[in-house]
């Protein structure tokens, strides 16, 4: 993604692996490994801040998913 660009990530849960998929999704929090490179809001909107790489992590209870983000000019 480019500096200043936004991209939204979404979370879904497989009901066969989660007792209450909607609760898992609604309890999800997001974080960035490097907010100087990319930030992420509570709704999963990632914003490129400066050139570099960061990992965005979505967490809900014991469930975790990660996505690598590279920000370019």
Protein backbone atom coordinates (compact mmCIF):
# COMPACT_ATOMS: atom_id res chain seq x y z
CA UNK A 1 0.00 0.00 0.00
CA UNK A 2 1.07 3.61 -0.44
CA UNK A 3 1.72 6.23 2.23
CA UNK A 4 -1.64 7.83 3.09
CA UNK A 5 -3.68 4.99 1.59
CA UNK A 6 -6.32 3.06 3.55
CA UNK A 7 -7.29 -0.58 3.31
CA UNK A 8 -9.82 -2.40 5.47
CA UNK A 9 -9.33 -5.97 6.62
CA UNK A 10 -12.27 -8.07 7.74
CA UNK A 11 -12.49 -10.94 10.19
CA UNK A 12 -14.67 -14.00 9.90
CA UNK A 13 -14.95 -17.13 12.03
CA UNK A 14 -15.72 -20.64 10.92
CA UNK A 15 -18.72 -21.73 13.03
CA UNK A 16 -17.47 -25.32 13.13
CA UNK A 17 -14.35 -24.13 14.94
CA UNK A 18 -15.94 -21.49 17.18
CA UNK A 19 -18.85 -22.00 19.54
CA UNK A 20 -20.18 -18.51 18.77
CA UNK A 21 -18.66 -17.10 15.59
CA UNK A 22 -20.34 -13.69 15.89
CA UNK A 23 -18.95 -13.21 19.42
CA UNK A 24 -15.46 -14.08 18.19
CA UNK A 25 -15.71 -11.53 15.37
CA UNK A 26 -17.19 -8.73 17.52
CA UNK A 27 -14.53 -9.20 20.22
CA UNK A 28 -11.67 -8.82 17.74
CA UNK A 29 -9.02 -6.19 18.43
CA UNK A 30 -6.36 -5.04 15.99
CA UNK A 31 -2.78 -3.91 16.54
CA UNK A 32 0.22 -2.86 14.46
CA UNK A 33 3.78 -4.01 15.11
CA UNK A 34 5.02 -0.56 14.02
CA UNK A 35 2.60 2.37 14.16
CA UNK A 36 5.24 4.62 12.59
CA UNK A 37 4.75 2.55 9.40
CA UNK A 38 1.06 1.54 9.53
CA UNK A 39 -1.79 2.16 11.94
CA UNK A 40 -4.97 0.15 12.32
CA UNK A 41 -8.32 1.20 13.81
CA UNK A 42 -10.77 -0.89 15.82
CA UNK A 43 -12.75 -1.63 12.64
CA UNK A 44 -9.68 -2.99 10.83
CA UNK A 45 -8.86 0.03 8.68
CA UNK A 46 -5.12 0.09 7.98
CA UNK A 47 -3.44 3.38 7.04
CA UNK A 48 0.03 3.63 5.53
CA UNK A 49 2.01 6.19 7.54
CA UNK A 50 5.58 5.91 6.25
CA UNK A 51 7.69 3.63 4.04
CA UNK A 52 8.47 0.28 5.65
CA UNK A 53 6.91 -2.98 6.79
CA UNK A 54 4.63 -3.84 9.69
CA UNK A 55 2.51 -6.74 10.85
CA UNK A 56 -1.17 -6.20 11.60
CA UNK A 57 -2.52 -8.62 14.20
CA UNK A 58 -6.19 -9.42 14.81
CA UNK A 59 -6.88 -11.05 18.18
CA UNK A 60 -10.04 -12.45 19.73
CA UNK A 61 -9.57 -14.55 22.83
CA UNK A 62 -7.26 -17.44 21.91
CA UNK A 63 -7.62 -16.76 18.17
CA UNK A 64 -4.97 -14.73 16.34
CA UNK A 65 -4.38 -13.86 12.69
CA UNK A 66 -1.64 -11.76 11.14
CA UNK A 67 -1.14 -9.96 7.85
CA UNK A 68 2.09 -8.40 6.61
CA UNK A 69 1.83 -4.85 5.28
CA UNK A 70 4.43 -3.09 3.14
CA UNK A 71 4.07 0.66 2.74
CA UNK A 72 5.65 2.38 -0.27
CA UNK A 73 5.82 5.98 -1.47
